[in-house]
Amino acid sequence: SVINVGWGVGALIAGVALKYDTRPAYVAILVVCAALALLASLLVLR
């Protein structure tokens, strides 16, 4: 259930990059993707 919420939130945020449709916007989104993936891994330490 939580994963489905996360997918929806991610899709909404990604809409910002799709609106601007520029490489800097896509780069920013991919950096955020990697940062969130790193955060998910570190939270497992709890």
PDB file of all heavy atoms in Angstrom:
ATOM      1  N   SER A   1       0.830  -1.203   0.000  1.00  0.00           N
ATOM      2  CA  SER A   1       0.000   0.000   0.000  1.00  0.00           C
ATOM      3  C   SER A   1       0.864   1.251   0.000  1.00  0.00           C
ATOM      4  O   SER A   1       0.618   2.205  -0.749  1.00  0.00           O
ATOM      5  CB  SER A   1      -0.925   0.000   1.223  1.00  0.00           C
ATOM      6  OG  SER A   1      -1.840  -1.077   1.167  1.00  0.00           O
ATOM      7  N   VAL A   2       1.900   1.228   0.826  1.00  0.00           N
ATOM      8  CA  VAL A   2       2.812   2.374   0.904  1.00  0.00           C
ATOM      9  C   VAL A   2       3.541   2.567  -0.418  1.00  0.00           C
ATOM     10  O   VAL A   2       3.731   3.698  -0.887  1.00  0.00           O
ATOM     11  CB  VAL A   2       3.822   2.167   2.053  1.00  0.00           C
ATOM     12  CG1 VAL A   2       4.936   3.201   1.997  1.00  0.00           C
ATOM     13  CG2 VAL A   2       3.112   2.232   3.393  1.00  0.00           C
ATOM     14  N   ILE A   3       3.943   1.469  -1.042  1.00  0.00           N
ATOM     15  CA  ILE A   3       4.655   1.550  -2.322  1.00  0.00           C
ATOM     16  C   ILE A   3       3.785   2.215  -3.381  1.00  0.00           C
ATOM     17  O   ILE A   3       4.271   3.035  -4.176  1.00  0.00           O
ATOM     18  CB  ILE A   3       5.103   0.144  -2.763  1.00  0.00           C
ATOM     19  CG1 ILE A   3       6.275  -0.324  -1.891  1.00  0.00           C
ATOM     20  CG2 ILE A   3       5.487   0.116  -4.242  1.00  0.00           C
ATOM     21  CD1 ILE A   3       6.629  -1.780  -2.077  1.00  0.00           C
ATOM     22  N   ASN A   4       2.501   1.900  -3.413  1.00  0.00           N
ATOM     23  CA  ASN A   4       1.609   2.535  -4.374  1.00  0.00           C
ATOM     24  C   ASN A   4       1.481   4.030  -4.114  1.00  0.00           C
ATOM     25  O   ASN A   4       1.399   4.825  -5.061  1.00  0.00           O
ATOM     26  CB  ASN A   4       0.239   1.861  -4.346  1.00  0.00           C
ATOM     27  CG  ASN A   4       0.156   0.656  -5.255  1.00  0.00           C
ATOM     28  OD1 ASN A   4      -0.298   0.742  -6.391  1.00  0.00           O
ATOM     29  ND2 ASN A   4       0.632  -0.479  -4.771  1.00  0.00           N
ATOM     30  N   VAL A   5       1.480   4.419  -2.846  1.00  0.00           N
ATOM     31  CA  VAL A   5       1.464   5.847  -2.521  1.00  0.00           C
ATOM     32  C   VAL A   5       2.739   6.502  -3.036  1.00  0.00           C
ATOM     33  O   VAL A   5       2.705   7.584  -3.654  1.00  0.00           O
ATOM     34  CB  VAL A   5       1.327   6.055  -1.000  1.00  0.00           C
ATOM     35  CG1 VAL A   5       1.517   7.526  -0.646  1.00  0.00           C
ATOM     36  CG2 VAL A   5      -0.031   5.567  -0.518  1.00  0.00           C
ATOM     37  N   GLY A   6       3.872   5.865  -2.803  1.00  0.00           N
ATOM     38  CA  GLY A   6       5.148   6.420  -3.257  1.00  0.00           C
ATOM     39  C   GLY A   6       5.220   6.576  -4.766  1.00  0.00           C
ATOM     40  O   GLY A   6       5.711   7.591  -5.281  1.00  0.00           O
ATOM     41  N   TRP A   7       4.725   5.564  -5.482  1.00  0.00           N
ATOM     42  CA  TRP A   7       4.706   5.672  -6.946  1.00  0.00           C
ATOM     43  C   TRP A   7       3.893   6.887  -7.393  1.00  0.00           C
ATOM     44  O   TRP A   7       4.298   7.623  -8.296  1.00  0.00           O
ATOM     45  CB  TRP A   7       4.104   4.411  -7.549  1.00  0.00           C
ATOM     46  CG  TRP A   7       5.044   3.249  -7.579  1.00  0.00           C
ATOM     47  CD1 TRP A   7       6.398   3.276  -7.389  1.00  0.00           C
ATOM     48  CD2 TRP A   7       4.694   1.871  -7.792  1.00  0.00           C
ATOM     49  NE1 TRP A   7       6.920   2.005  -7.463  1.00  0.00           N
ATOM     50  CE2 TRP A   7       5.897   1.130  -7.706  1.00  0.00           C
ATOM     51  CE3 TRP A   7       3.498   1.212  -8.017  1.00  0.00           C
ATOM     52  CZ2 TRP A   7       5.921  -0.256  -7.871  1.00  0.00           C
ATOM     53  CZ3 TRP A   7       3.520  -0.158  -8.184  1.00  0.00           C
ATOM     54  CH2 TRP A   7       4.721  -0.890  -8.108  1.00  0.00           C
ATOM     55  N   GLY A   8       2.738   7.086  -6.762  1.00  0.00           N
ATOM     56  CA  GLY A   8       1.896   8.225  -7.130  1.00  0.00           C
ATOM     57  C   GLY A   8       2.565   9.549  -6.832  1.00  0.00           C
ATOM     58  O   GLY A   8       2.540  10.476  -7.653  1.00  0.00           O
ATOM     59  N   VAL A   9       3.193   9.655  -5.661  1.00  0.00           N
ATOM     60  CA  VAL A   9       3.896  10.888  -5.294  1.00  0.00           C
ATOM     61  C   VAL A   9       5.041  11.146  -6.274  1.00  0.00           C
ATOM     62  O   VAL A   9       5.245  12.275  -6.745  1.00  0.00           O
ATOM     63  CB  VAL A   9       4.422  10.793  -3.851  1.00  0.00           C
ATOM     64  CG1 VAL A   9       5.335  11.973  -3.535  1.00  0.00           C
ATOM     65  CG2 VAL A   9       3.266  10.746  -2.862  1.00  0.00           C
ATOM     66  N   GLY A  10       5.785  10.098  -6.597  1.00  0.00           N
ATOM     67  CA  GLY A  10       6.891  10.249  -7.536  1.00  0.00           C
ATOM     68  C   GLY A  10       6.421  10.709  -8.901  1.00  0.00           C
ATOM     69  O   GLY A  10       7.043  11.567  -9.539  1.00  0.00           O
ATOM     70  N   ALA A  11       5.313  10.149  -9.370  1.00  0.00           N
ATOM     71  CA  ALA A  11       4.781  10.533 -10.683  1.00  0.00           C
ATOM     72  C   ALA A  11       4.354  11.998 -10.696  1.00  0.00           C
ATOM     73  O   ALA A  11       4.576  12.714 -11.688  1.00  0.00           O
ATOM     74  CB  ALA A  11       3.612   9.629 -11.050  1.00  0.00           C
ATOM     75  N   LEU A  12       3.758  12.458  -9.583  1.00  0.00           N
ATOM     76  CA  LEU A  12       3.331  13.856  -9.521  1.00  0.00           C
ATOM     77  C   LEU A  12       4.531  14.798  -9.545  1.00  0.00           C
ATOM     78  O   LEU A  12       4.527  15.818 -10.247  1.00  0.00           O
ATOM     79  CB  LEU A  12       2.505  14.093  -8.256  1.00  0.00           C
ATOM     80  CG  LEU A  12       1.106  13.477  -8.239  1.00  0.00           C
ATOM     81  CD1 LEU A  12       0.457  13.673  -6.866  1.00  0.00           C
ATOM     82  CD2 LEU A  12       0.229  14.101  -9.324  1.00  0.00           C
ATOM     83  N   ILE A  13       5.567  14.467  -8.784  1.00  0.00           N
ATOM     84  CA  ILE A  13       6.764  15.310  -8.766  1.00  0.00           C
ATOM     85  C   ILE A  13       7.433  15.321 -10.131  1.00  0.00           C
ATOM     86  O   ILE A  13       7.918  16.356 -10.607  1.00  0.00           O
ATOM     87  CB  ILE A  13       7.750  14.819  -7.689  1.00  0.00           C
ATOM     88  CG1 ILE A  13       7.120  14.932  -6.294  1.00  0.00           C
ATOM     89  CG2 ILE A  13       9.047  15.617  -7.741  1.00  0.00           C
ATOM     90  CD1 ILE A  13       7.961  14.326  -5.183  1.00  0.00           C
ATOM     91  N   ALA A  14       7.446  14.158 -10.779  1.00  0.00           N
ATOM     92  CA  ALA A  14       8.067  14.066 -12.104  1.00  0.00           C
ATOM     93  C   ALA A  14       7.356  14.938 -13.119  1.00  0.00           C
ATOM     94  O   ALA A  14       7.958  15.356 -14.124  1.00  0.00           O
ATOM     95  CB  ALA A  14       8.069  12.620 -12.575  1.00  0.00           C
ATOM     96  N   GLY A  15       6.082  15.238 -12.874  1.00  0.00           N
ATOM     97  CA  GLY A  15       5.348  16.104 -13.788  1.00  0.00           C
ATOM     98  C   GLY A  15       5.988  17.472 -13.934  1.00  0.00           C
ATOM     99  O   GLY A  15       5.856  18.118 -14.989  1.00  0.00           O
ATOM    100  N   VAL A  16       6.712  17.921 -12.902  1.00  0.00           N
ATOM    101  CA  VAL A  16       7.399  19.210 -12.983  1.00  0.00           C
ATOM    102  C   VAL A  16       8.477  19.156 -14.063  1.00  0.00           C
ATOM    103  O   VAL A  16       8.594  20.061 -14.899  1.00  0.00           O
ATOM    104  CB  VAL A  16       8.020  19.575 -11.617  1.00  0.00           C
ATOM    105  CG1 VAL A  16       8.804  20.878 -11.721  1.00  0.00           C
ATOM    106  CG2 VAL A  16       6.936  19.672 -10.556  1.00  0.00           C
ATOM    107  N   ALA A  17       9.268  18.084 -14.054  1.00  0.00           N
ATOM    108  CA  ALA A  17      10.313  17.939 -15.065  1.00  0.00           C
ATOM    109  C   ALA A  17       9.713  17.827 -16.462  1.00  0.00           C
ATOM    110  O   ALA A  17      10.243  18.394 -17.428  1.00  0.00           O
ATOM    111  CB  ALA A  17      11.176  16.717 -14.758  1.00  0.00           C
ATOM    112  N   LEU A  18       8.615  17.081 -16.568  1.00  0.00           N
ATOM    113  CA  LEU A  18       7.979  16.920 -17.876  1.00  0.00           C
ATOM    114  C   LEU A  18       7.418  18.244 -18.378  1.00  0.00           C
ATOM    115  O   LEU A  18       7.385  18.498 -19.593  1.00  0.00           O
ATOM    116  CB  LEU A  18       6.872  15.871 -17.786  1.00  0.00           C
ATOM    117  CG  LEU A  18       7.337  14.448 -17.464  1.00  0.00           C
ATOM    118  CD1 LEU A  18       6.133  13.522 -17.308  1.00  0.00           C
ATOM    119  CD2 LEU A  18       8.264  13.921 -18.550  1.00  0.00           C
ATOM    120  N   LYS A  19       6.982  19.113 -17.472  1.00  0.00           N
ATOM    121  CA  LYS A  19       6.455  20.414 -17.868  1.00  0.00           C
ATOM    122  C   LYS A  19       7.547  21.279 -18.485  1.00  0.00           C
ATOM    123  O   LYS A  19       7.346  21.928 -19.513  1.00  0.00           O
ATOM    124  CB  LYS A  19       5.837  21.120 -16.664  1.00  0.00           C
ATOM    125  CG  LYS A  19       5.276  22.509 -16.961  1.00  0.00           C
ATOM    126  CD  LYS A  19       4.665  23.110 -15.717  1.00  0.00           C
ATOM    127  CE  LYS A  19       4.029  24.472 -16.014  1.00  0.00           C
ATOM    128  NZ  LYS A  19       4.999  25.460 -16.493  1.00  0.00           N
ATOM    129  N   TYR A  20       8.728  21.280 -17.862  1.00  0.00           N
ATOM    130  CA  TYR A  20       9.829  22.099 -18.384  1.00  0.00           C
ATOM    131  C   TYR A  20      10.531  21.429 -19.566  1.00  0.00           C
ATOM    132  O   TYR A  20      11.026  22.099 -20.460  1.00  0.00           O
ATOM    133  CB  TYR A  20      10.832  22.390 -17.267  1.00  0.00           C
ATOM    134  CG  TYR A  20      10.313  23.382 -16.259  1.00  0.00           C
ATOM    135  CD1 TYR A  20       9.818  22.963 -15.029  1.00  0.00           C
ATOM    136  CD2 TYR A  20      10.295  24.742 -16.537  1.00  0.00           C
ATOM    137  CE1 TYR A  20       9.329  23.868 -14.102  1.00  0.00           C
ATOM    138  CE2 TYR A  20       9.815  25.667 -15.610  1.00  0.00           C
ATOM    139  CZ  TYR A  20       9.331  25.221 -14.399  1.00  0.00           C
ATOM    140  OH  TYR A  20       8.847  26.118 -13.484  1.00  0.00           O
ATOM    141  N   ASP A  21      10.601  20.081 -19.546  1.00  0.00           N
ATOM    142  CA  ASP A  21      11.151  19.315 -20.666  1.00  0.00           C
ATOM    143  C   ASP A  21      12.537  19.813 -21.075  1.00  0.00           C
ATOM    144  O   ASP A  21      12.828  20.033 -22.249  1.00  0.00           O
ATOM    145  CB  ASP A  21      10.198  19.364 -21.856  1.00  0.00           C
ATOM    146  CG  ASP A  21      10.536  18.319 -22.918  1.00  0.00           C
ATOM    147  OD1 ASP A  21      11.238  17.342 -22.587  1.00  0.00           O
ATOM    148  OD2 ASP A  21      10.119  18.495 -24.077  1.00  0.00           O
ATOM    149  N   THR A  22      13.425  20.000 -20.094  1.00  0.00           N
ATOM    150  CA  THR A  22      14.806  20.407 -20.365  1.00  0.00           C
ATOM    151  C   THR A  22      15.753  19.417 -19.713  1.00  0.00           C
ATOM    152  O   THR A  22      15.393  18.744 -18.728  1.00  0.00           O
ATOM    153  CB  THR A  22      15.094  21.812 -19.820  1.00  0.00           C
ATOM    154  OG1 THR A  22      14.939  21.800 -18.386  1.00  0.00           O
ATOM    155  CG2 THR A  22      14.149  22.834 -20.423  1.00  0.00           C
ATOM    156  N   ARG A  23      16.968  19.336 -20.226  1.00  0.00           N
ATOM    157  CA  ARG A  23      17.935  18.411 -19.623  1.00  0.00           C
ATOM    158  C   ARG A  23      18.218  18.750 -18.154  1.00  0.00           C
ATOM    159  O   ARG A  23      18.265  17.833 -17.329  1.00  0.00           O
ATOM    160  CB  ARG A  23      19.237  18.396 -20.419  1.00  0.00           C
ATOM    161  CG  ARG A  23      20.258  17.424 -19.813  1.00  0.00           C
ATOM    162  CD  ARG A  23      21.487  17.225 -20.664  1.00  0.00           C
ATOM    163  NE  ARG A  23      22.458  16.383 -19.972  1.00  0.00           N
ATOM    164  CZ  ARG A  23      22.433  15.054 -19.966  1.00  0.00           C
ATOM    165  NH1 ARG A  23      21.481  14.417 -20.634  1.00  0.00           N
ATOM    166  NH2 ARG A  23      23.345  14.359 -19.320  1.00  0.00           N
ATOM    167  N   PRO A  24      18.418  20.039 -17.784  1.00  0.00           N
ATOM    168  CA  PRO A  24      18.636  20.327 -16.359  1.00  0.00           C
ATOM    169  C   PRO A  24      17.503  19.819 -15.462  1.00  0.00           C
ATOM    170  O   PRO A  24      17.755  19.340 -14.352  1.00  0.00           O
ATOM    171  CB  PRO A  24      18.735  21.855 -16.325  1.00  0.00           C
ATOM    172  CG  PRO A  24      19.238  22.220 -17.665  1.00  0.00           C
ATOM    173  CD  PRO A  24      18.591  21.249 -18.607  1.00  0.00           C
ATOM    174  N   ALA A  25      16.270  19.902 -15.940  1.00  0.00           N
ATOM    175  CA  ALA A  25      15.148  19.412 -15.129  1.00  0.00           C
ATOM    176  C   ALA A  25      15.226  17.906 -14.967  1.00  0.00           C
ATOM    177  O   ALA A  25      15.012  17.375 -13.866  1.00  0.00           O
ATOM    178  CB  ALA A  25      13.823  19.809 -15.788  1.00  0.00           C
ATOM    179  N   TYR A  26      15.551  17.198 -16.059  1.00  0.00           N
ATOM    180  CA  TYR A  26      15.660  15.741 -15.976  1.00  0.00           C
ATOM    181  C   TYR A  26      16.845  15.327 -15.099  1.00  0.00           C
ATOM    182  O   TYR A  26      16.766  14.361 -14.336  1.00  0.00           O
ATOM    183  CB  TYR A  26      15.816  15.138 -17.376  1.00  0.00           C
ATOM    184  CG  TYR A  26      14.577  15.281 -18.230  1.00  0.00           C
ATOM    185  CD1 TYR A  26      14.650  15.803 -19.518  1.00  0.00           C
ATOM    186  CD2 TYR A  26      13.334  14.905 -17.743  1.00  0.00           C
ATOM    187  CE1 TYR A  26      13.510  15.944 -20.298  1.00  0.00           C
ATOM    188  CE2 TYR A  26      12.187  15.042 -18.515  1.00  0.00           C
ATOM    189  CZ  TYR A  26      12.286  15.561 -19.792  1.00  0.00           C
ATOM    190  OH  TYR A  26      11.152  15.691 -20.555  1.00  0.00           O
ATOM    191  N   VAL A  27      17.962  16.073 -15.213  1.00  0.00           N
ATOM    192  CA  VAL A  27      19.126  15.773 -14.384  1.00  0.00           C
ATOM    193  C   VAL A  27      18.771  15.931 -12.908  1.00  0.00           C
ATOM    194  O   VAL A  27      19.141  15.098 -12.065  1.00  0.00           O
ATOM    195  CB  VAL A  27      20.313  16.687 -14.762  1.00  0.00           C
ATOM    196  CG1 VAL A  27      21.426  16.587 -13.720  1.00  0.00           C
ATOM    197  CG2 VAL A  27      20.851  16.323 -16.135  1.00  0.00           C
ATOM    198  N   ALA A  28      18.045  16.995 -12.588  1.00  0.00           N
ATOM    199  CA  ALA A  28      17.645  17.219 -11.196  1.00  0.00           C
ATOM    200  C   ALA A  28      16.783  16.069 -10.683  1.00  0.00           C
ATOM    201  O   ALA A  28      16.962  15.599  -9.544  1.00  0.00           O
ATOM    202  CB  ALA A  28      16.897  18.543 -11.074  1.00  0.00           C
ATOM    203  N   ILE A  29      15.855  15.606 -11.514  1.00  0.00           N
ATOM    204  CA  ILE A  29      14.986  14.502 -11.105  1.00  0.00           C
ATOM    205  C   ILE A  29      15.797  13.235 -10.882  1.00  0.00           C
ATOM    206  O   ILE A  29      15.590  12.492  -9.902  1.00  0.00           O
ATOM    207  CB  ILE A  29      13.883  14.264 -12.154  1.00  0.00           C
ATOM    208  CG1 ILE A  29      12.866  15.390 -12.126  1.00  0.00           C
ATOM    209  CG2 ILE A  29      13.176  12.927 -11.906  1.00  0.00           C
ATOM    210  CD1 ILE A  29      12.083  15.506 -10.839  1.00  0.00           C
ATOM    211  N   LEU A  30      16.750  12.934 -11.764  1.00  0.00           N
ATOM    212  CA  LEU A  30      17.563  11.726 -11.598  1.00  0.00           C
ATOM    213  C   LEU A  30      18.434  11.809 -10.350  1.00  0.00           C
ATOM    214  O   LEU A  30      18.658  10.794  -9.674  1.00  0.00           O
ATOM    215  CB  LEU A  30      18.424  11.503 -12.837  1.00  0.00           C
ATOM    216  CG  LEU A  30      17.664  11.027 -14.082  1.00  0.00           C
ATOM    217  CD1 LEU A  30      18.586  10.956 -15.292  1.00  0.00           C
ATOM    218  CD2 LEU A  30      17.027   9.663 -13.831  1.00  0.00           C
ATOM    219  N   VAL A  31      18.930  12.993 -10.026  1.00  0.00           N
ATOM    220  CA  VAL A  31      19.698  13.159  -8.786  1.00  0.00           C
ATOM    221  C   VAL A  31      18.801  12.914  -7.575  1.00  0.00           C
ATOM    222  O   VAL A  31      19.209  12.253  -6.598  1.00  0.00           O
ATOM    223  CB  VAL A  31      20.334  14.564  -8.729  1.00  0.00           C
ATOM    224  CG1 VAL A  31      20.939  14.822  -7.352  1.00  0.00           C
ATOM    225  CG2 VAL A  31      21.410  14.705  -9.806  1.00  0.00           C
ATOM    226  N   VAL A  32      17.576  13.427  -7.633  1.00  0.00           N
ATOM    227  CA  VAL A  32      16.624  13.183  -6.537  1.00  0.00           C
ATOM    228  C   VAL A  32      16.307  11.699  -6.436  1.00  0.00           C
ATOM    229  O   VAL A  32      16.196  11.141  -5.327  1.00  0.00           O
ATOM    230  CB  VAL A  32      15.338  14.005  -6.753  1.00  0.00           C
ATOM    231  CG1 VAL A  32      14.267  13.608  -5.741  1.00  0.00           C
ATOM    232  CG2 VAL A  32      15.627  15.495  -6.642  1.00  0.00           C
ATOM    233  N   CYS A  33      16.166  11.022  -7.582  1.00  0.00           N
ATOM    234  CA  CYS A  33      15.925   9.571  -7.581  1.00  0.00           C
ATOM    235  C   CYS A  33      17.032   8.836  -6.835  1.00  0.00           C
ATOM    236  O   CYS A  33      16.775   7.965  -5.996  1.00  0.00           O
ATOM    237  CB  CYS A  33      15.850   9.039  -9.012  1.00  0.00           C
ATOM    238  SG  CYS A  33      14.334   9.425  -9.887  1.00  0.00           S
ATOM    239  N   ALA A  34      18.277   9.169  -7.173  1.00  0.00           N
ATOM    240  CA  ALA A  34      19.415   8.510  -6.522  1.00  0.00           C
ATOM    241  C   ALA A  34      19.462   8.836  -5.033  1.00  0.00           C
ATOM    242  O   ALA A  34      19.757   7.965  -4.202  1.00  0.00           O
ATOM    243  CB  ALA A  34      20.716   8.932  -7.205  1.00  0.00           C
ATOM    244  N   ALA A  35      19.164  10.085  -4.675  1.00  0.00           N
ATOM    245  CA  ALA A  35      19.185  10.478  -3.262  1.00  0.00           C
ATOM    246  C   ALA A  35      18.111   9.730  -2.470  1.00  0.00           C
ATOM    247  O   ALA A  35      18.359   9.271  -1.339  1.00  0.00           O
ATOM    248  CB  ALA A  35      18.990  11.986  -3.144  1.00  0.00           C
ATOM    249  N   LEU A  36      16.928   9.600  -3.042  1.00  0.00           N
ATOM    250  CA  LEU A  36      15.863   8.860  -2.361  1.00  0.00           C
ATOM    251  C   LEU A  36      16.206   7.379  -2.246  1.00  0.00           C
ATOM    252  O   LEU A  36      15.897   6.736  -1.234  1.00  0.00           O
ATOM    253  CB  LEU A  36      14.546   9.037  -3.112  1.00  0.00           C
ATOM    254  CG  LEU A  36      13.861  10.396  -2.965  1.00  0.00           C
ATOM    255  CD1 LEU A  36      12.698  10.521  -3.951  1.00  0.00           C
ATOM    256  CD2 LEU A  36      13.373  10.592  -1.535  1.00  0.00           C
ATOM    257  N   ALA A  37      16.835   6.812  -3.289  1.00  0.00           N
ATOM    258  CA  ALA A  37      17.250   5.413  -3.220  1.00  0.00           C
ATOM    259  C   ALA A  37      18.296   5.218  -2.129  1.00  0.00           C
ATOM    260  O   ALA A  37      18.278   4.215  -1.397  1.00  0.00           O
ATOM    261  CB  ALA A  37      17.811   4.971  -4.569  1.00  0.00           C
ATOM    262  N   LEU A  38      19.207   6.170  -2.000  1.00  0.00           N
ATOM    263  CA  LEU A  38      20.206   6.108  -0.930  1.00  0.00           C
ATOM    264  C   LEU A  38      19.540   6.226   0.436  1.00  0.00           C
ATOM    265  O   LEU A  38      19.868   5.475   1.368  1.00  0.00           O
ATOM    266  CB  LEU A  38      21.237   7.220  -1.122  1.00  0.00           C
ATOM    267  CG  LEU A  38      22.333   7.325  -0.055  1.00  0.00           C
ATOM    268  CD1 LEU A  38      23.172   6.051  -0.008  1.00  0.00           C
ATOM    269  CD2 LEU A  38      23.218   8.536  -0.311  1.00  0.00           C
ATOM    270  N   LEU A  39      18.595   7.146   0.565  1.00  0.00           N
ATOM    271  CA  LEU A  39      17.881   7.307   1.833  1.00  0.00           C
ATOM    272  C   LEU A  39      17.142   6.027   2.200  1.00  0.00           C
ATOM    273  O   LEU A  39      17.151   5.607   3.372  1.00  0.00           O
ATOM    274  CB  LEU A  39      16.893   8.467   1.714  1.00  0.00           C
ATOM    275  CG  LEU A  39      15.968   8.694   2.916  1.00  0.00           C
ATOM    276  CD1 LEU A  39      16.772   9.039   4.160  1.00  0.00           C
ATOM    277  CD2 LEU A  39      14.945   9.790   2.608  1.00  0.00           C
ATOM    278  N   ALA A  40      16.505   5.388   1.212  1.00  0.00           N
ATOM    279  CA  ALA A  40      15.782   4.141   1.479  1.00  0.00           C
ATOM    280  C   ALA A  40      16.720   3.077   2.031  1.00  0.00           C
ATOM    281  O   ALA A  40      16.358   2.328   2.949  1.00  0.00           O
ATOM    282  CB  ALA A  40      15.118   3.650   0.195  1.00  0.00           C
ATOM    283  N   SER A  41      17.915   3.002   1.487  1.00  0.00           N
ATOM    284  CA  SER A  41      18.885   2.007   1.960  1.00  0.00           C
ATOM    285  C   SER A  41      19.348   2.311   3.382  1.00  0.00           C
ATOM    286  O   SER A  41      19.471   1.405   4.214  1.00  0.00           O
ATOM    287  CB  SER A  41      20.092   1.971   1.011  1.00  0.00           C
ATOM    288  OG  SER A  41      19.690   1.655  -0.299  1.00  0.00           O
ATOM    289  N   LEU A  42      19.600   3.572   3.664  1.00  0.00           N
ATOM    290  CA  LEU A  42      20.089   3.940   4.999  1.00  0.00           C
ATOM    291  C   LEU A  42      19.007   3.760   6.058  1.00  0.00           C
ATOM    292  O   LEU A  42      19.309   3.442   7.215  1.00  0.00           O
ATOM    293  CB  LEU A  42      20.583   5.391   4.981  1.00  0.00           C
ATOM    294  CG  LEU A  42      21.787   5.660   4.061  1.00  0.00           C
ATOM    295  CD1 LEU A  42      22.180   7.126   4.118  1.00  0.00           C
ATOM    296  CD2 LEU A  42      22.974   4.772   4.457  1.00  0.00           C
ATOM    297  N   LEU A  43      17.743   3.939   5.673  1.00  0.00           N
ATOM    298  CA  LEU A  43      16.657   3.733   6.636  1.00  0.00           C
ATOM    299  C   LEU A  43      16.547   2.279   7.073  1.00  0.00           C
ATOM    300  O   LEU A  43      16.040   1.987   8.166  1.00  0.00           O
ATOM    301  CB  LEU A  43      15.327   4.194   6.022  1.00  0.00           C
ATOM    302  CG  LEU A  43      15.117   5.704   5.929  1.00  0.00           C
ATOM    303  CD1 LEU A  43      13.870   6.025   5.102  1.00  0.00           C
ATOM    304  CD2 LEU A  43      14.994   6.313   7.326  1.00  0.00           C
ATOM    305  N   VAL A  44      17.021   1.369   6.236  1.00  0.00           N
ATOM    306  CA  VAL A  44      17.014  -0.055   6.604  1.00  0.00           C
ATOM    307  C   VAL A  44      17.902  -0.301   7.819  1.00  0.00           C
ATOM    308  O   VAL A  44      17.691  -1.269   8.571  1.00  0.00           O
ATOM    309  CB  VAL A  44      17.460  -0.913   5.403  1.00  0.00           C
ATOM    310  CG1 VAL A  44      17.578  -2.382   5.787  1.00  0.00           C
ATOM    311  CG2 VAL A  44      16.471  -0.769   4.254  1.00  0.00           C
ATOM    312  N   LEU A  45      18.879   0.565   8.067  1.00  0.00           N
ATOM    313  CA  LEU A  45      19.753   0.409   9.234  1.00  0.00           C
ATOM    314  C   LEU A  45      18.974   0.532  10.543  1.00  0.00           C
ATOM    315  O   LEU A  45      19.478   0.131  11.603  1.00  0.00           O
ATOM    316  CB  LEU A  45      20.866   1.453   9.188  1.00  0.00           C
ATOM    317  CG  LEU A  45      21.911   1.278   8.076  1.00  0.00           C
ATOM    318  CD1 LEU A  45      22.856   2.473   8.027  1.00  0.00           C
ATOM    319  CD2 LEU A  45      22.688  -0.020   8.272  1.00  0.00           C
ATOM    320  N   ARG A  46      17.755   1.061  10.485  1.00  0.00           N
ATOM    321  CA  ARG A  46      16.934   1.167  11.693  1.00  0.00           C
ATOM    322  C   ARG A  46      16.246  -0.155  12.030  1.00  0.00           C
ATOM    323  O   ARG A  46      15.651  -0.286  13.094  1.00  0.00           O
ATOM    324  CB  ARG A  46      15.895   2.265  11.502  1.00  0.00           C
ATOM    325  CG  ARG A  46      16.498   3.638  11.224  1.00  0.00           C
ATOM    326  CD  ARG A  46      15.449   4.710  11.054  1.00  0.00           C
ATOM    327  NE  ARG A  46      14.699   4.915  12.286  1.00  0.00           N
ATOM    328  CZ  ARG A  46      13.711   5.796  12.415  1.00  0.00           C
ATOM    329  NH1 ARG A  46      13.343   6.522  11.368  1.00  0.00           N
ATOM    330  NH2 ARG A  46      13.071   5.934  13.566  1.00  0.00           N
TER     331      ARG A  46
END
